Full PDB file with SEQRES, HELIX, SHEET, SSBOND, CRYST1, ORIGX, SCALE, CONECT and MASTER records, all heavy atoms in Angstrom:
SEQRES   1 A   42  THR ASN TYR ALA GLU SER VAL LYS GLY ARG PHE THR ILE          
SEQRES   2 A   42  SER ARG ASP ASN ALA LYS ASN THR VAL TYR LEU GLN MET          
SEQRES   3 A   42  ASN SER LEU ARG PRO ASP ASP THR ALA VAL TYR TYR CYS          
SEQRES   4 A   42  ASN ALA HIS                                                  
HELIX    1 AA1 GLU A    5  VAL A    7  5                                   3    
HELIX    2 AA2 PRO A   31  ASP A   33  5                                   3    
SHEET    1 AA1 2 PHE A  11  ASP A  16  0                                        
SHEET    2 AA1 2 THR A  21  MET A  26 -1                                        
CRYST1    1.000    1.000    1.000  90.00  90.00  90.00 P 1           1          
ORIGX1      1.000000  0.000000  0.000000        0.00000                         
ORIGX2      0.000000  1.000000  0.000000        0.00000                         
ORIGX3      0.000000  0.000000  1.000000        0.00000                         
SCALE1      1.000000  0.000000  0.000000        0.00000                         
SCALE2      0.000000  1.000000  0.000000        0.00000                         
SCALE3      0.000000  0.000000  1.000000        0.00000                         
ATOM      1  N   THR A   1      14.445  -7.328   6.466  1.00  0.00           N  
ATOM      2  CA  THR A   1      13.714  -6.757   7.593  1.00  0.00           C  
ATOM      3  C   THR A   1      14.636  -6.053   8.581  1.00  0.00           C  
ATOM      4  O   THR A   1      15.833  -6.376   8.670  1.00  0.00           O  
ATOM      5  CB  THR A   1      12.934  -7.839   8.349  1.00  0.00           C  
ATOM      6  OG1 THR A   1      13.846  -8.835   8.825  1.00  0.00           O  
ATOM      7  CG2 THR A   1      11.897  -8.500   7.449  1.00  0.00           C  
ATOM      8  N   ASN A   2      14.085  -5.114   9.306  1.00  0.00           N  
ATOM      9  CA  ASN A   2      14.782  -4.539  10.446  1.00  0.00           C  
ATOM     10  C   ASN A   2      13.758  -4.157  11.508  1.00  0.00           C  
ATOM     11  O   ASN A   2      12.586  -3.908  11.197  1.00  0.00           O  
ATOM     12  CB  ASN A   2      15.668  -3.351  10.068  1.00  0.00           C  
ATOM     13  CG  ASN A   2      14.900  -2.154   9.607  1.00  0.00           C  
ATOM     14  OD1 ASN A   2      14.386  -2.135   8.500  1.00  0.00           O  
ATOM     15  ND2 ASN A   2      14.792  -1.138  10.451  1.00  0.00           N  
ATOM     16  N   TYR A   3      14.213  -4.156  12.756  1.00  0.00           N  
ATOM     17  CA  TYR A   3      13.334  -3.983  13.902  1.00  0.00           C  
ATOM     18  C   TYR A   3      13.910  -2.995  14.909  1.00  0.00           C  
ATOM     19  O   TYR A   3      15.130  -2.887  15.057  1.00  0.00           O  
ATOM     20  CB  TYR A   3      13.137  -5.330  14.622  1.00  0.00           C  
ATOM     21  CG  TYR A   3      12.480  -6.381  13.786  1.00  0.00           C  
ATOM     22  CD1 TYR A   3      13.238  -7.269  13.022  1.00  0.00           C  
ATOM     23  CD2 TYR A   3      11.090  -6.498  13.753  1.00  0.00           C  
ATOM     24  CE1 TYR A   3      12.625  -8.240  12.247  1.00  0.00           C  
ATOM     25  CE2 TYR A   3      10.474  -7.468  12.995  1.00  0.00           C  
ATOM     26  CZ  TYR A   3      11.243  -8.332  12.241  1.00  0.00           C  
ATOM     27  OH  TYR A   3      10.636  -9.292  11.480  1.00  0.00           O  
ATOM     28  N   ALA A   4      13.022  -2.345  15.615  1.00  0.00           N  
ATOM     29  CA  ALA A   4      13.445  -1.580  16.781  1.00  0.00           C  
ATOM     30  C   ALA A   4      13.984  -2.547  17.831  1.00  0.00           C  
ATOM     31  O   ALA A   4      13.485  -3.680  17.948  1.00  0.00           O  
ATOM     32  CB  ALA A   4      12.270  -0.790  17.348  1.00  0.00           C  
ATOM     33  N   GLU A   5      14.974  -2.104  18.579  1.00  0.00           N  
ATOM     34  CA  GLU A   5      15.576  -2.980  19.582  1.00  0.00           C  
ATOM     35  C   GLU A   5      14.544  -3.490  20.577  1.00  0.00           C  
ATOM     36  O   GLU A   5      14.617  -4.637  21.030  1.00  0.00           O  
ATOM     37  CB  GLU A   5      16.678  -2.228  20.325  1.00  0.00           C  
ATOM     38  CG  GLU A   5      17.977  -2.067  19.542  1.00  0.00           C  
ATOM     39  CD  GLU A   5      18.653  -3.395  19.256  1.00  0.00           C  
ATOM     40  OE1 GLU A   5      18.583  -4.290  20.119  1.00  0.00           O  
ATOM     41  OE2 GLU A   5      19.240  -3.533  18.167  1.00  0.00           O  
ATOM     42  N   SER A   6      13.570  -2.657  20.893  1.00  0.00           N  
ATOM     43  CA  SER A   6      12.598  -3.004  21.929  1.00  0.00           C  
ATOM     44  C   SER A   6      11.657  -4.138  21.518  1.00  0.00           C  
ATOM     45  O   SER A   6      11.003  -4.729  22.385  1.00  0.00           O  
ATOM     46  CB  SER A   6      11.770  -1.776  22.307  1.00  0.00           C  
ATOM     47  OG  SER A   6      11.057  -1.294  21.178  1.00  0.00           O  
ATOM     48  N   VAL A   7      11.594  -4.445  20.225  1.00  0.00           N  
ATOM     49  CA  VAL A   7      10.664  -5.490  19.773  1.00  0.00           C  
ATOM     50  C   VAL A   7      11.375  -6.700  19.174  1.00  0.00           C  
ATOM     51  O   VAL A   7      10.717  -7.683  18.824  1.00  0.00           O  
ATOM     52  CB  VAL A   7       9.635  -4.930  18.765  1.00  0.00           C  
ATOM     53  CG1 VAL A   7       8.937  -3.702  19.334  1.00  0.00           C  
ATOM     54  CG2 VAL A   7      10.253  -4.642  17.415  1.00  0.00           C  
ATOM     55  N   LYS A   8      12.682  -6.629  19.048  1.00  0.00           N  
ATOM     56  CA  LYS A   8      13.425  -7.759  18.472  1.00  0.00           C  
ATOM     57  C   LYS A   8      13.165  -9.025  19.259  1.00  0.00           C  
ATOM     58  O   LYS A   8      13.215  -9.034  20.491  1.00  0.00           O  
ATOM     59  CB  LYS A   8      14.924  -7.453  18.451  1.00  0.00           C  
ATOM     60  CG  LYS A   8      15.350  -6.578  17.297  1.00  0.00           C  
ATOM     61  CD  LYS A   8      16.857  -6.391  17.290  1.00  0.00           C  
ATOM     62  CE  LYS A   8      17.281  -5.503  16.131  1.00  0.00           C  
ATOM     63  NZ  LYS A   8      18.742  -5.250  16.124  1.00  0.00           N  
ATOM     64  N   GLY A   9      12.901 -10.101  18.534  1.00  0.00           N  
ATOM     65  CA  GLY A   9      12.633 -11.379  19.172  1.00  0.00           C  
ATOM     66  C   GLY A   9      11.179 -11.570  19.573  1.00  0.00           C  
ATOM     67  O   GLY A   9      10.775 -12.674  19.933  1.00  0.00           O  
ATOM     68  N   ARG A  10      10.383 -10.503  19.523  1.00  0.00           N  
ATOM     69  CA  ARG A  10       8.964 -10.610  19.894  1.00  0.00           C  
ATOM     70  C   ARG A  10       8.039 -10.334  18.712  1.00  0.00           C  
ATOM     71  O   ARG A  10       6.969 -10.941  18.613  1.00  0.00           O  
ATOM     72  CB  ARG A  10       8.632  -9.607  21.015  1.00  0.00           C  
ATOM     73  CG  ARG A  10       9.426  -9.827  22.286  1.00  0.00           C  
ATOM     74  CD  ARG A  10       8.907  -8.932  23.420  1.00  0.00           C  
ATOM     75  NE  ARG A  10       9.035  -7.508  23.116  1.00  0.00           N  
ATOM     76  CZ  ARG A  10       8.013  -6.650  23.114  1.00  0.00           C  
ATOM     77  NH1 ARG A  10       6.795  -7.063  23.394  1.00  0.00           N  
ATOM     78  NH2 ARG A  10       8.226  -5.365  22.836  1.00  0.00           N  
ATOM     79  N   PHE A  11       8.435  -9.422  17.825  1.00  0.00           N  
ATOM     80  CA  PHE A  11       7.601  -9.027  16.683  1.00  0.00           C  
ATOM     81  C   PHE A  11       8.217  -9.551  15.390  1.00  0.00           C  
ATOM     82  O   PHE A  11       9.444  -9.613  15.260  1.00  0.00           O  
ATOM     83  CB  PHE A  11       7.501  -7.513  16.589  1.00  0.00           C  
ATOM     84  CG  PHE A  11       6.703  -6.826  17.683  1.00  0.00           C  
ATOM     85  CD1 PHE A  11       6.299  -7.511  18.822  1.00  0.00           C  
ATOM     86  CD2 PHE A  11       6.375  -5.490  17.562  1.00  0.00           C  
ATOM     87  CE1 PHE A  11       5.580  -6.877  19.821  1.00  0.00           C  
ATOM     88  CE2 PHE A  11       5.654  -4.841  18.545  1.00  0.00           C  
ATOM     89  CZ  PHE A  11       5.265  -5.536  19.675  1.00  0.00           C  
ATOM     90  N   THR A  12       7.358  -9.861  14.438  1.00  0.00           N  
ATOM     91  CA  THR A  12       7.815 -10.303  13.122  1.00  0.00           C  
ATOM     92  C   THR A  12       7.003  -9.593  12.053  1.00  0.00           C  
ATOM     93  O   THR A  12       5.761  -9.638  12.069  1.00  0.00           O  
ATOM     94  CB  THR A  12       7.652 -11.819  12.955  1.00  0.00           C  
ATOM     95  OG1 THR A  12       8.382 -12.496  13.981  1.00  0.00           O  
ATOM     96  CG2 THR A  12       8.174 -12.262  11.594  1.00  0.00           C  
ATOM     97  N   ILE A  13       7.702  -8.946  11.120  1.00  0.00           N  
ATOM     98  CA  ILE A  13       7.045  -8.311   9.988  1.00  0.00           C  
ATOM     99  C   ILE A  13       7.165  -9.226   8.785  1.00  0.00           C  
ATOM    100  O   ILE A  13       8.196  -9.889   8.591  1.00  0.00           O  
ATOM    101  CB  ILE A  13       7.647  -6.914   9.703  1.00  0.00           C  
ATOM    102  CG1 ILE A  13       6.803  -6.169   8.665  1.00  0.00           C  
ATOM    103  CG2 ILE A  13       9.105  -7.005   9.292  1.00  0.00           C  
ATOM    104  CD1 ILE A  13       7.207  -4.694   8.503  1.00  0.00           C  
ATOM    105  N   SER A  14       6.108  -9.269   7.978  1.00  0.00           N  
ATOM    106  CA  SER A  14       6.131 -10.072   6.765  1.00  0.00           C  
ATOM    107  C   SER A  14       5.238  -9.405   5.726  1.00  0.00           C  
ATOM    108  O   SER A  14       4.427  -8.530   6.064  1.00  0.00           O  
ATOM    109  CB  SER A  14       5.669 -11.499   7.039  1.00  0.00           C  
ATOM    110  OG  SER A  14       4.337 -11.516   7.527  1.00  0.00           O  
ATOM    111  N   ARG A  15       5.392  -9.825   4.487  1.00  0.00           N  
ATOM    112  CA  ARG A  15       4.579  -9.268   3.421  1.00  0.00           C  
ATOM    113  C   ARG A  15       4.117 -10.366   2.483  1.00  0.00           C  
ATOM    114  O   ARG A  15       4.817 -11.366   2.300  1.00  0.00           O  
ATOM    115  CB  ARG A  15       5.344  -8.183   2.659  1.00  0.00           C  
ATOM    116  CG  ARG A  15       6.557  -8.652   1.900  1.00  0.00           C  
ATOM    117  CD  ARG A  15       7.371  -7.460   1.367  1.00  0.00           C  
ATOM    118  NE  ARG A  15       6.605  -6.655   0.431  1.00  0.00           N  
ATOM    119  CZ  ARG A  15       6.896  -5.389   0.138  1.00  0.00           C  
ATOM    120  NH1 ARG A  15       7.942  -4.799   0.696  1.00  0.00           N  
ATOM    121  NH2 ARG A  15       6.158  -4.724  -0.732  1.00  0.00           N  
ATOM    122  N   ASP A  16       2.941 -10.142   1.887  1.00  0.00           N  
ATOM    123  CA  ASP A  16       2.398 -11.039   0.885  1.00  0.00           C  
ATOM    124  C   ASP A  16       2.101 -10.187  -0.339  1.00  0.00           C  
ATOM    125  O   ASP A  16       1.079  -9.484  -0.382  1.00  0.00           O  
ATOM    126  CB  ASP A  16       1.137 -11.730   1.414  1.00  0.00           C  
ATOM    127  CG  ASP A  16       0.596 -12.776   0.466  1.00  0.00           C  
ATOM    128  OD1 ASP A  16       0.881 -12.691  -0.751  1.00  0.00           O  
ATOM    129  OD2 ASP A  16      -0.122 -13.665   0.917  1.00  0.00           O  
ATOM    130  N   ASN A  17       2.982 -10.209  -1.308  1.00  0.00           N  
ATOM    131  CA  ASN A  17       2.823  -9.351  -2.481  1.00  0.00           C  
ATOM    132  C   ASN A  17       1.609  -9.755  -3.320  1.00  0.00           C  
ATOM    133  O   ASN A  17       1.046  -8.919  -4.022  1.00  0.00           O  
ATOM    134  CB  ASN A  17       4.089  -9.375  -3.336  1.00  0.00           C  
ATOM    135  CG  ASN A  17       5.246  -8.648  -2.665  1.00  0.00           C  
ATOM    136  OD1 ASN A  17       5.071  -7.846  -1.760  1.00  0.00           O  
ATOM    137  ND2 ASN A  17       6.456  -8.952  -3.129  1.00  0.00           N  
ATOM    138  N   ALA A  18       1.213 -10.992  -3.248  1.00  0.00           N  
ATOM    139  CA  ALA A  18       0.032 -11.438  -3.996  1.00  0.00           C  
ATOM    140  C   ALA A  18      -1.249 -10.832  -3.418  1.00  0.00           C  
ATOM    141  O   ALA A  18      -2.238 -10.650  -4.135  1.00  0.00           O  
ATOM    142  CB  ALA A  18      -0.063 -12.958  -3.978  1.00  0.00           C  
ATOM    143  N   LYS A  19      -1.222 -10.518  -2.126  1.00  0.00           N  
ATOM    144  CA  LYS A  19      -2.400  -9.951  -1.461  1.00  0.00           C  
ATOM    145  C   LYS A  19      -2.247  -8.468  -1.161  1.00  0.00           C  
ATOM    146  O   LYS A  19      -3.120  -7.862  -0.535  1.00  0.00           O  
ATOM    147  CB  LYS A  19      -2.676 -10.703  -0.150  1.00  0.00           C  
ATOM    148  CG  LYS A  19      -3.057 -12.159  -0.347  1.00  0.00           C  
ATOM    149  CD  LYS A  19      -3.380 -12.826   0.981  1.00  0.00           C  
ATOM    150  CE  LYS A  19      -3.811 -14.269   0.777  1.00  0.00           C  
ATOM    151  NZ  LYS A  19      -4.117 -14.943   2.059  1.00  0.00           N  
ATOM    152  N   ASN A  20      -1.115  -7.885  -1.573  1.00  0.00           N  
ATOM    153  CA  ASN A  20      -0.850  -6.459  -1.293  1.00  0.00           C  
ATOM    154  C   ASN A  20      -1.005  -6.138   0.194  1.00  0.00           C  
ATOM    155  O   ASN A  20      -1.582  -5.108   0.573  1.00  0.00           O  
ATOM    156  CB  ASN A  20      -1.792  -5.564  -2.113  1.00  0.00           C  
ATOM    157  CG  ASN A  20      -1.452  -5.547  -3.586  1.00  0.00           C  
ATOM    158  OD1 ASN A  20      -0.494  -6.168  -4.031  1.00  0.00           O  
ATOM    159  ND2 ASN A  20      -2.261  -4.848  -4.371  1.00  0.00           N  
ATOM    160  N   THR A  21      -0.474  -7.011   1.009  1.00  0.00           N  
ATOM    161  CA  THR A  21      -0.682  -6.892   2.448  1.00  0.00           C  
ATOM    162  C   THR A  21       0.629  -7.088   3.206  1.00  0.00           C  
ATOM    163  O   THR A  21       1.433  -7.958   2.841  1.00  0.00           O  
ATOM    164  CB  THR A  21      -1.723  -7.916   2.933  1.00  0.00           C  
ATOM    165  OG1 THR A  21      -2.966  -7.680   2.254  1.00  0.00           O  
ATOM    166  CG2 THR A  21      -1.953  -7.805   4.438  1.00  0.00           C  
ATOM    167  N   VAL A  22       0.799  -6.294   4.244  1.00  0.00           N  
ATOM    168  CA  VAL A  22       1.922  -6.454   5.156  1.00  0.00           C  
ATOM    169  C   VAL A  22       1.359  -6.772   6.543  1.00  0.00           C  
ATOM    170  O   VAL A  22       0.283  -6.276   6.910  1.00  0.00           O  
ATOM    171  CB  VAL A  22       2.813  -5.194   5.183  1.00  0.00           C  
ATOM    172  CG1 VAL A  22       2.060  -3.979   5.672  1.00  0.00           C  
ATOM    173  CG2 VAL A  22       4.071  -5.430   5.992  1.00  0.00           C  
ATOM    174  N   TYR A  23       2.081  -7.599   7.269  1.00  0.00           N  
ATOM    175  CA  TYR A  23       1.624  -8.070   8.568  1.00  0.00           C  
ATOM    176  C   TYR A  23       2.645  -7.724   9.645  1.00  0.00           C  
ATOM    177  O   TYR A  23       3.843  -7.581   9.376  1.00  0.00           O  
ATOM    178  CB  TYR A  23       1.434  -9.586   8.556  1.00  0.00           C  
ATOM    179  CG  TYR A  23       0.503 -10.085   7.492  1.00  0.00           C  
ATOM    180  CD1 TYR A  23       0.994 -10.568   6.280  1.00  0.00           C  
ATOM    181  CD2 TYR A  23      -0.872 -10.074   7.685  1.00  0.00           C  
ATOM    182  CE1 TYR A  23       0.143 -11.023   5.288  1.00  0.00           C  
ATOM    183  CE2 TYR A  23      -1.736 -10.533   6.693  1.00  0.00           C  
ATOM    184  CZ  TYR A  23      -1.219 -10.994   5.501  1.00  0.00           C  
ATOM    185  OH  TYR A  23      -2.072 -11.453   4.524  1.00  0.00           O  
ATOM    186  N   LEU A  24       2.150  -7.620  10.866  1.00  0.00           N  
ATOM    187  CA  LEU A  24       3.030  -7.500  12.021  1.00  0.00           C  
ATOM    188  C   LEU A  24       2.511  -8.464  13.079  1.00  0.00           C  
ATOM    189  O   LEU A  24       1.453  -8.235  13.677  1.00  0.00           O  
ATOM    190  CB  LEU A  24       3.058  -6.078  12.576  1.00  0.00           C  
ATOM    191  CG  LEU A  24       4.051  -5.856  13.718  1.00  0.00           C  
ATOM    192  CD1 LEU A  24       5.490  -5.998  13.201  1.00  0.00           C  
ATOM    193  CD2 LEU A  24       3.855  -4.486  14.365  1.00  0.00           C  
ATOM    194  N   GLN A  25       3.242  -9.546  13.264  1.00  0.00           N  
ATOM    195  CA  GLN A  25       2.917 -10.504  14.317  1.00  0.00           C  
ATOM    196  C   GLN A  25       3.584 -10.040  15.596  1.00  0.00           C  
ATOM    197  O   GLN A  25       4.812  -9.884  15.633  1.00  0.00           O  
ATOM    198  CB  GLN A  25       3.404 -11.900  13.940  1.00  0.00           C  
ATOM    199  CG  GLN A  25       3.151 -12.956  15.004  1.00  0.00           C  
ATOM    200  CD  GLN A  25       1.683 -13.232  15.222  1.00  0.00           C  
ATOM    201  OE1 GLN A  25       0.920 -13.352  14.271  1.00  0.00           O  
ATOM    202  NE2 GLN A  25       1.271 -13.341  16.480  1.00  0.00           N  
ATOM    203  N   MET A  26       2.790  -9.817  16.622  1.00  0.00           N  
ATOM    204  CA  MET A  26       3.306  -9.287  17.883  1.00  0.00           C  
ATOM    205  C   MET A  26       3.048 -10.311  18.981  1.00  0.00           C  
ATOM    206  O   MET A  26       1.898 -10.605  19.308  1.00  0.00           O  
ATOM    207  CB  MET A  26       2.609  -7.958  18.221  1.00  0.00           C  
ATOM    208  CG  MET A  26       2.718  -6.922  17.127  1.00  0.00           C  
ATOM    209  SD  MET A  26       2.065  -5.307  17.600  1.00  0.00           S  
ATOM    210  CE  MET A  26       0.330  -5.699  17.760  1.00  0.00           C  
ATOM    211  N   ASN A  27       4.129 -10.860  19.519  1.00  0.00           N  
ATOM    212  CA  ASN A  27       4.041 -11.840  20.591  1.00  0.00           C  
ATOM    213  C   ASN A  27       4.607 -11.257  21.877  1.00  0.00           C  
ATOM    214  O   ASN A  27       5.319 -10.256  21.862  1.00  0.00           O  
ATOM    215  CB  ASN A  27       4.815 -13.096  20.212  1.00  0.00           C  
ATOM    216  CG  ASN A  27       4.277 -13.785  18.980  1.00  0.00           C  
ATOM    217  OD1 ASN A  27       3.073 -13.722  18.697  1.00  0.00           O  
ATOM    218  ND2 ASN A  27       5.143 -14.438  18.225  1.00  0.00           N  
ATOM    219  N   SER A  28       4.275 -11.902  22.982  1.00  0.00           N  
ATOM    220  CA  SER A  28       4.783 -11.471  24.289  1.00  0.00           C  
ATOM    221  C   SER A  28       4.590  -9.967  24.494  1.00  0.00           C  
ATOM    222  O   SER A  28       5.513  -9.251  24.887  1.00  0.00           O  
ATOM    223  CB  SER A  28       6.267 -11.834  24.422  1.00  0.00           C  
ATOM    224  OG  SER A  28       6.459 -13.218  24.266  1.00  0.00           O  
ATOM    225  N   LEU A  29       3.402  -9.521  24.236  1.00  0.00           N  
ATOM    226  CA  LEU A  29       3.126  -8.089  24.330  1.00  0.00           C  
ATOM    227  C   LEU A  29       3.282  -7.581  25.755  1.00  0.00           C  
ATOM    228  O   LEU A  29       3.002  -8.300  26.721  1.00  0.00           O  
ATOM    229  CB  LEU A  29       1.722  -7.794  23.800  1.00  0.00           C  
ATOM    230  CG  LEU A  29       1.627  -7.770  22.269  1.00  0.00           C  
ATOM    231  CD1 LEU A  29       0.196  -7.948  21.809  1.00  0.00           C  
ATOM    232  CD2 LEU A  29       2.223  -6.486  21.724  1.00  0.00           C  
ATOM    233  N   ARG A  30       3.736  -6.343  25.840  1.00  0.00           N  
ATOM    234  CA  ARG A  30       3.986  -5.700  27.133  1.00  0.00           C  
ATOM    235  C   ARG A  30       3.171  -4.414  27.210  1.00  0.00           C  
ATOM    236  O   ARG A  30       2.821  -3.831  26.176  1.00  0.00           O  
ATOM    237  CB  ARG A  30       5.480  -5.377  27.292  1.00  0.00           C  
ATOM    238  CG  ARG A  30       6.370  -6.555  27.009  1.00  0.00           C  
ATOM    239  CD  ARG A  30       7.827  -6.306  27.271  1.00  0.00           C  
ATOM    240  NE  ARG A  30       8.385  -5.131  26.643  1.00  0.00           N  
ATOM    241  CZ  ARG A  30       9.639  -5.053  26.215  1.00  0.00           C  
ATOM    242  NH1 ARG A  30      10.432  -6.109  26.330  1.00  0.00           N  
ATOM    243  NH2 ARG A  30      10.085  -3.938  25.688  1.00  0.00           N  
ATOM    244  N   PRO A  31       2.913  -3.920  28.397  1.00  0.00           N  
ATOM    245  CA  PRO A  31       2.163  -2.655  28.507  1.00  0.00           C  
ATOM    246  C   PRO A  31       2.816  -1.502  27.749  1.00  0.00           C  
ATOM    247  O   PRO A  31       2.104  -0.639  27.211  1.00  0.00           O  
ATOM    248  CB  PRO A  31       2.140  -2.404  30.014  1.00  0.00           C  
ATOM    249  CG  PRO A  31       2.143  -3.772  30.620  1.00  0.00           C  
ATOM    250  CD  PRO A  31       3.058  -4.570  29.713  1.00  0.00           C  
ATOM    251  N   ASP A  32       4.139  -1.492  27.662  1.00  0.00           N  
ATOM    252  CA  ASP A  32       4.785  -0.386  26.949  1.00  0.00           C  
ATOM    253  C   ASP A  32       4.713  -0.532  25.435  1.00  0.00           C  
ATOM    254  O   ASP A  32       5.236   0.317  24.698  1.00  0.00           O  
ATOM    255  CB  ASP A  32       6.232  -0.177  27.415  1.00  0.00           C  
ATOM    256  CG  ASP A  32       7.126  -1.376  27.176  1.00  0.00           C  
ATOM    257  OD1 ASP A  32       6.640  -2.402  26.679  1.00  0.00           O  
ATOM    258  OD2 ASP A  32       8.330  -1.284  27.493  1.00  0.00           O  
ATOM    259  N   ASP A  33       4.067  -1.570  24.939  1.00  0.00           N  
ATOM    260  CA  ASP A  33       3.756  -1.672  23.512  1.00  0.00           C  
ATOM    261  C   ASP A  33       2.465  -0.943  23.170  1.00  0.00           C  
ATOM    262  O   ASP A  33       2.102  -0.834  21.993  1.00  0.00           O  
ATOM    263  CB  ASP A  33       3.626  -3.132  23.085  1.00  0.00           C  
ATOM    264  CG  ASP A  33       4.940  -3.894  23.187  1.00  0.00           C  
ATOM    265  OD1 ASP A  33       5.979  -3.342  22.776  1.00  0.00           O  
ATOM    266  OD2 ASP A  33       4.914  -5.056  23.656  1.00  0.00           O  
ATOM    267  N   THR A  34       1.763  -0.465  24.182  1.00  0.00           N  
ATOM    268  CA  THR A  34       0.512   0.256  23.954  1.00  0.00           C  
ATOM    269  C   THR A  34       0.763   1.510  23.133  1.00  0.00           C  
ATOM    270  O   THR A  34       1.614   2.332  23.482  1.00  0.00           O  
ATOM    271  CB  THR A  34      -0.142   0.629  25.301  1.00  0.00           C  
ATOM    272  OG1 THR A  34      -0.507  -0.573  25.986  1.00  0.00           O  
ATOM    273  CG2 THR A  34      -1.377   1.491  25.084  1.00  0.00           C  
ATOM    274  N   ALA A  35       0.030   1.637  22.021  1.00  0.00           N  
ATOM    275  CA  ALA A  35       0.221   2.769  21.109  1.00  0.00           C  
ATOM    276  C   ALA A  35      -0.783   2.653  19.968  1.00  0.00           C  
ATOM    277  O   ALA A  35      -1.464   1.630  19.828  1.00  0.00           O  
ATOM    278  CB  ALA A  35       1.637   2.763  20.537  1.00  0.00           C  
ATOM    279  N   VAL A  36      -0.828   3.693  19.161  1.00  0.00           N  
ATOM    280  CA  VAL A  36      -1.494   3.595  17.864  1.00  0.00           C  
ATOM    281  C   VAL A  36      -0.438   3.143  16.862  1.00  0.00           C  
ATOM    282  O   VAL A  36       0.642   3.737  16.774  1.00  0.00           O  
ATOM    283  CB  VAL A  36      -2.108   4.933  17.435  1.00  0.00           C  
ATOM    284  CG1 VAL A  36      -2.748   4.792  16.058  1.00  0.00           C  
ATOM    285  CG2 VAL A  36      -3.154   5.393  18.458  1.00  0.00           C  
ATOM    286  N   TYR A  37      -0.747   2.094  16.135  1.00  0.00           N  
ATOM    287  CA  TYR A  37       0.182   1.525  15.164  1.00  0.00           C  
ATOM    288  C   TYR A  37      -0.235   1.954  13.757  1.00  0.00           C  
ATOM    289  O   TYR A  37      -1.400   1.799  13.375  1.00  0.00           O  
ATOM    290  CB  TYR A  37       0.208   0.010  15.272  1.00  0.00           C  
ATOM    291  CG  TYR A  37       0.991  -0.466  16.475  1.00  0.00           C  
ATOM    292  CD1 TYR A  37       0.507  -0.277  17.769  1.00  0.00           C  
ATOM    293  CD2 TYR A  37       2.233  -1.082  16.326  1.00  0.00           C  
ATOM    294  CE1 TYR A  37       1.241  -0.685  18.875  1.00  0.00           C  
ATOM    295  CE2 TYR A  37       2.972  -1.495  17.422  1.00  0.00           C  
ATOM    296  CZ  TYR A  37       2.464  -1.290  18.695  1.00  0.00           C  
ATOM    297  OH  TYR A  37       3.196  -1.694  19.790  1.00  0.00           O  
ATOM    298  N   TYR A  38       0.742   2.463  13.003  1.00  0.00           N  
ATOM    299  CA  TYR A  38       0.502   2.975  11.662  1.00  0.00           C  
ATOM    300  C   TYR A  38       1.282   2.164  10.630  1.00  0.00           C  
ATOM    301  O   TYR A  38       2.457   1.834  10.836  1.00  0.00           O  
ATOM    302  CB  TYR A  38       0.939   4.431  11.554  1.00  0.00           C  
ATOM    303  CG  TYR A  38       0.164   5.387  12.414  1.00  0.00           C  
ATOM    304  CD1 TYR A  38       0.595   5.686  13.704  1.00  0.00           C  
ATOM    305  CD2 TYR A  38      -0.988   6.009  11.942  1.00  0.00           C  
ATOM    306  CE1 TYR A  38      -0.115   6.571  14.506  1.00  0.00           C  
ATOM    307  CE2 TYR A  38      -1.703   6.894  12.737  1.00  0.00           C  
ATOM    308  CZ  TYR A  38      -1.262   7.167  14.017  1.00  0.00           C  
ATOM    309  OH  TYR A  38      -1.966   8.042  14.796  1.00  0.00           O  
ATOM    310  N   CYS A  39       0.659   1.929   9.530  1.00  0.00           N  
ATOM    311  CA  CYS A  39       1.292   1.288   8.385  1.00  0.00           C  
ATOM    312  C   CYS A  39       1.859   2.366   7.463  1.00  0.00           C  
ATOM    313  O   CYS A  39       1.225   3.424   7.275  1.00  0.00           O  
ATOM    314  CB  CYS A  39       0.234   0.461   7.653  1.00  0.00           C  
ATOM    315  SG  CYS A  39       0.785  -0.342   6.145  1.00  0.00           S  
ATOM    316  N   ASN A  40       3.029   2.114   6.910  1.00  0.00           N  
ATOM    317  CA  ASN A  40       3.679   3.056   5.997  1.00  0.00           C  
ATOM    318  C   ASN A  40       4.127   2.343   4.741  1.00  0.00           C  
ATOM    319  O   ASN A  40       4.643   1.224   4.802  1.00  0.00           O  
ATOM    320  CB  ASN A  40       4.881   3.693   6.699  1.00  0.00           C  
ATOM    321  CG  ASN A  40       5.730   4.523   5.764  1.00  0.00           C  
ATOM    322  OD1 ASN A  40       6.745   4.055   5.247  1.00  0.00           O  
ATOM    323  ND2 ASN A  40       5.334   5.757   5.539  1.00  0.00           N  
ATOM    324  N   ALA A  41       3.945   3.014   3.619  1.00  0.00           N  
ATOM    325  CA  ALA A  41       4.466   2.534   2.332  1.00  0.00           C  
ATOM    326  C   ALA A  41       5.422   3.588   1.803  1.00  0.00           C  
ATOM    327  O   ALA A  41       5.076   4.771   1.730  1.00  0.00           O  
ATOM    328  CB  ALA A  41       3.328   2.305   1.347  1.00  0.00           C  
ATOM    329  N   HIS A  42       6.628   3.148   1.432  1.00  0.00           N  
ATOM    330  CA  HIS A  42       7.664   4.104   1.049  1.00  0.00           C  
ATOM    331  C   HIS A  42       8.367   3.661  -0.221  1.00  0.00           C  
ATOM    332  O   HIS A  42       8.744   2.487  -0.370  1.00  0.00           O  
ATOM    333  CB  HIS A  42       8.687   4.225   2.170  1.00  0.00           C  
ATOM    334  CG  HIS A  42       9.880   5.055   1.807  1.00  0.00           C  
ATOM    335  ND1 HIS A  42       9.840   6.436   1.744  1.00  0.00           N  
ATOM    336  CD2 HIS A  42      11.133   4.698   1.438  1.00  0.00           C  
ATOM    337  CE1 HIS A  42      11.021   6.880   1.366  1.00  0.00           C  
ATOM    338  NE2 HIS A  42      11.832   5.853   1.186  1.00  0.00           N  
TER     339      HIS A  42                                                      
MASTER        0    0    0    2    2    0    0    6  338    1    0    4          
END                                                                             
């Protein structure tokens, strides 16, 4: 995993290959986290 500096320690990315799903757990949210969030597969 790797994270933007602004979210380190607050956000956690994980994946479940059995469910073909990726997650983003976002804790301690701040107003500057406001945005449209997009999923990417590469």
